[in-house]
């Protein structure tokens, strides 16, 4: 839907939150507490920052150990399988 406007991309250091073509935040793998897959139509958590940009796509709730803005973020990555693979490689707790 709005993936041209904002999106998440994987990096060697963590998850980049992109707005237009600029990184607005880099969430490092070490600061991720856990990642849970939620239903495509689920709101996940009412206290989470909604960064979902794909309609009816696989959605994930990222919980962080600390945060300056929010400790929970909802995302819909372009390639969910690759997203999960990289998180596993970096020993992120998947639920």
C-alpha atoms as a PDB file:
ATOM      1  CA  UNK A   1       0.000   0.000   0.000  1.00  0.00           C
ATOM      2  CA  UNK A   2       2.400   2.695   1.173  1.00  0.00           C
ATOM      3  CA  UNK A   3       5.673   0.770   0.935  1.00  0.00           C
ATOM      4  CA  UNK A   4       7.046   3.480  -1.372  1.00  0.00           C
ATOM      5  CA  UNK A   5       6.565   6.017   1.429  1.00  0.00           C
ATOM      6  CA  UNK A   6       7.831   4.092   4.455  1.00  0.00           C
ATOM      7  CA  UNK A   7       9.201   0.607   5.024  1.00  0.00           C
ATOM      8  CA  UNK A   8      11.512  -1.578   7.092  1.00  0.00           C
ATOM      9  CA  UNK A   9      14.730  -3.027   5.707  1.00  0.00           C
ATOM     10  CA  UNK A  10      17.191  -5.447   7.192  1.00  0.00           C
ATOM     11  CA  UNK A  11      20.759  -4.371   7.721  1.00  0.00           C
ATOM     12  CA  UNK A  12      23.821  -6.109   9.112  1.00  0.00           C
ATOM     13  CA  UNK A  13      23.323  -4.119  12.332  1.00  0.00           C
ATOM     14  CA  UNK A  14      19.548  -4.324  12.688  1.00  0.00           C
ATOM     15  CA  UNK A  15      16.229  -3.205  11.256  1.00  0.00           C
ATOM     16  CA  UNK A  16      16.181   0.123   9.446  1.00  0.00           C
ATOM     17  CA  UNK A  17      13.010   2.182   9.461  1.00  0.00           C
ATOM     18  CA  UNK A  18      12.907   4.103   6.184  1.00  0.00           C
ATOM     19  CA  UNK A  19      10.835   7.189   5.397  1.00  0.00           C
ATOM     20  CA  UNK A  20      11.024   8.074   1.715  1.00  0.00           C
ATOM     21  CA  UNK A  21      14.713   7.261   1.148  1.00  0.00           C
ATOM     22  CA  UNK A  22      16.035   8.214   4.581  1.00  0.00           C
ATOM     23  CA  UNK A  23      16.696   6.068   7.624  1.00  0.00           C
ATOM     24  CA  UNK A  24      14.747   7.526  10.524  1.00  0.00           C
ATOM     25  CA  UNK A  25      15.769   4.837  13.001  1.00  0.00           C
ATOM     26  CA  UNK A  26      18.058   1.814  13.227  1.00  0.00           C
ATOM     27  CA  UNK A  27      16.810  -0.798  15.677  1.00  0.00           C
ATOM     28  CA  UNK A  28      19.857  -2.878  16.524  1.00  0.00           C
ATOM     29  CA  UNK A  29      19.408  -6.625  16.920  1.00  0.00           C
ATOM     30  CA  UNK A  30      20.791  -6.515  20.477  1.00  0.00           C
ATOM     31  CA  UNK A  31      17.984  -4.212  21.625  1.00  0.00           C
ATOM     32  CA  UNK A  32      15.187  -6.468  20.336  1.00  0.00           C
ATOM     33  CA  UNK A  33      13.546  -8.392  23.167  1.00  0.00           C
ATOM     34  CA  UNK A  34      11.381 -10.603  20.914  1.00  0.00           C
ATOM     35  CA  UNK A  35       9.444 -10.716  17.655  1.00  0.00           C
ATOM     36  CA  UNK A  36       5.979 -12.289  17.388  1.00  0.00           C
ATOM     37  CA  UNK A  37       4.031 -13.016  14.229  1.00  0.00           C
ATOM     38  CA  UNK A  38       0.472 -11.734  14.476  1.00  0.00           C
ATOM     39  CA  UNK A  39      -2.442 -12.192  12.119  1.00  0.00           C
ATOM     40  CA  UNK A  40      -2.574 -10.041   8.977  1.00  0.00           C
ATOM     41  CA  UNK A  41      -5.722  -8.250  10.156  1.00  0.00           C
ATOM     42  CA  UNK A  42      -4.756  -8.117  13.847  1.00  0.00           C
ATOM     43  CA  UNK A  43      -4.111  -4.807  15.558  1.00  0.00           C
ATOM     44  CA  UNK A  44      -1.397  -6.543  17.604  1.00  0.00           C
ATOM     45  CA  UNK A  45      -1.206  -4.182  20.557  1.00  0.00           C
ATOM     46  CA  UNK A  46      -2.975  -0.897  21.088  1.00  0.00           C
ATOM     47  CA  UNK A  47       0.194   0.498  22.684  1.00  0.00           C
ATOM     48  CA  UNK A  48       2.369  -0.392  19.671  1.00  0.00           C
ATOM     49  CA  UNK A  49       3.555   2.054  17.037  1.00  0.00           C
ATOM     50  CA  UNK A  50       1.927   0.939  13.778  1.00  0.00           C
ATOM     51  CA  UNK A  51       4.517   0.844  10.987  1.00  0.00           C
ATOM     52  CA  UNK A  52       2.512  -1.629   8.879  1.00  0.00           C
ATOM     53  CA  UNK A  53       2.323  -0.601   5.236  1.00  0.00           C
ATOM     54  CA  UNK A  54       1.049  -3.673   3.384  1.00  0.00           C
ATOM     55  CA  UNK A  55      -2.619  -4.614   3.409  1.00  0.00           C
ATOM     56  CA  UNK A  56      -3.367  -8.159   4.630  1.00  0.00           C
ATOM     57  CA  UNK A  57       0.326  -9.118   4.685  1.00  0.00           C
ATOM     58  CA  UNK A  58       2.142 -11.153   7.324  1.00  0.00           C
ATOM     59  CA  UNK A  59       2.593  -8.851  10.301  1.00  0.00           C
ATOM     60  CA  UNK A  60       5.063  -8.876  13.162  1.00  0.00           C
ATOM     61  CA  UNK A  61       5.149  -7.255  16.576  1.00  0.00           C
ATOM     62  CA  UNK A  62       8.657  -6.215  17.599  1.00  0.00           C
ATOM     63  CA  UNK A  63       9.230  -5.679  21.317  1.00  0.00           C
ATOM     64  CA  UNK A  64      12.381  -3.879  22.383  1.00  0.00           C
ATOM     65  CA  UNK A  65      14.325  -3.914  25.630  1.00  0.00           C
ATOM     66  CA  UNK A  66      14.363  -0.124  25.720  1.00  0.00           C
ATOM     67  CA  UNK A  67      13.247   2.681  23.462  1.00  0.00           C
ATOM     68  CA  UNK A  68      13.136   6.430  23.151  1.00  0.00           C
ATOM     69  CA  UNK A  69       9.736   6.526  21.457  1.00  0.00           C
ATOM     70  CA  UNK A  70       8.026   3.185  21.855  1.00  0.00           C
ATOM     71  CA  UNK A  71       8.907  -0.299  22.986  1.00  0.00           C
ATOM     72  CA  UNK A  72       6.530  -2.058  20.590  1.00  0.00           C
ATOM     73  CA  UNK A  73       6.388  -1.675  16.809  1.00  0.00           C
ATOM     74  CA  UNK A  74       4.154  -3.384  14.235  1.00  0.00           C
ATOM     75  CA  UNK A  75       5.729  -4.074  10.830  1.00  0.00           C
ATOM     76  CA  UNK A  76       4.926  -5.818   7.546  1.00  0.00           C
ATOM     77  CA  UNK A  77       8.258  -6.612   5.879  1.00  0.00           C
ATOM     78  CA  UNK A  78       8.457  -7.043   2.104  1.00  0.00           C
ATOM     79  CA  UNK A  79       9.837 -10.605   2.405  1.00  0.00           C
ATOM     80  CA  UNK A  80       8.614 -12.125   5.704  1.00  0.00           C
ATOM     81  CA  UNK A  81      10.577 -15.371   5.297  1.00  0.00           C
ATOM     82  CA  UNK A  82      13.862 -13.535   4.748  1.00  0.00           C
ATOM     83  CA  UNK A  83      12.980 -11.245   7.664  1.00  0.00           C
ATOM     84  CA  UNK A  84      12.565 -14.247   9.993  1.00  0.00           C
ATOM     85  CA  UNK A  85      15.710 -15.925   8.658  1.00  0.00           C
ATOM     86  CA  UNK A  86      17.895 -12.902   9.409  1.00  0.00           C
ATOM     87  CA  UNK A  87      16.364 -12.515  12.871  1.00  0.00           C
ATOM     88  CA  UNK A  88      17.152 -16.179  13.625  1.00  0.00           C
ATOM     89  CA  UNK A  89      20.729 -15.705  12.406  1.00  0.00           C
ATOM     90  CA  UNK A  90      21.118 -12.877  14.915  1.00  0.00           C
ATOM     91  CA  UNK A  91      19.613 -14.941  17.773  1.00  0.00           C
ATOM     92  CA  UNK A  92      16.494 -12.814  18.175  1.00  0.00           C
ATOM     93  CA  UNK A  93      13.781 -14.503  20.258  1.00  0.00           C
ATOM     94  CA  UNK A  94      10.965 -15.480  17.849  1.00  0.00           C
ATOM     95  CA  UNK A  95       7.551 -16.296  19.259  1.00  0.00           C
END
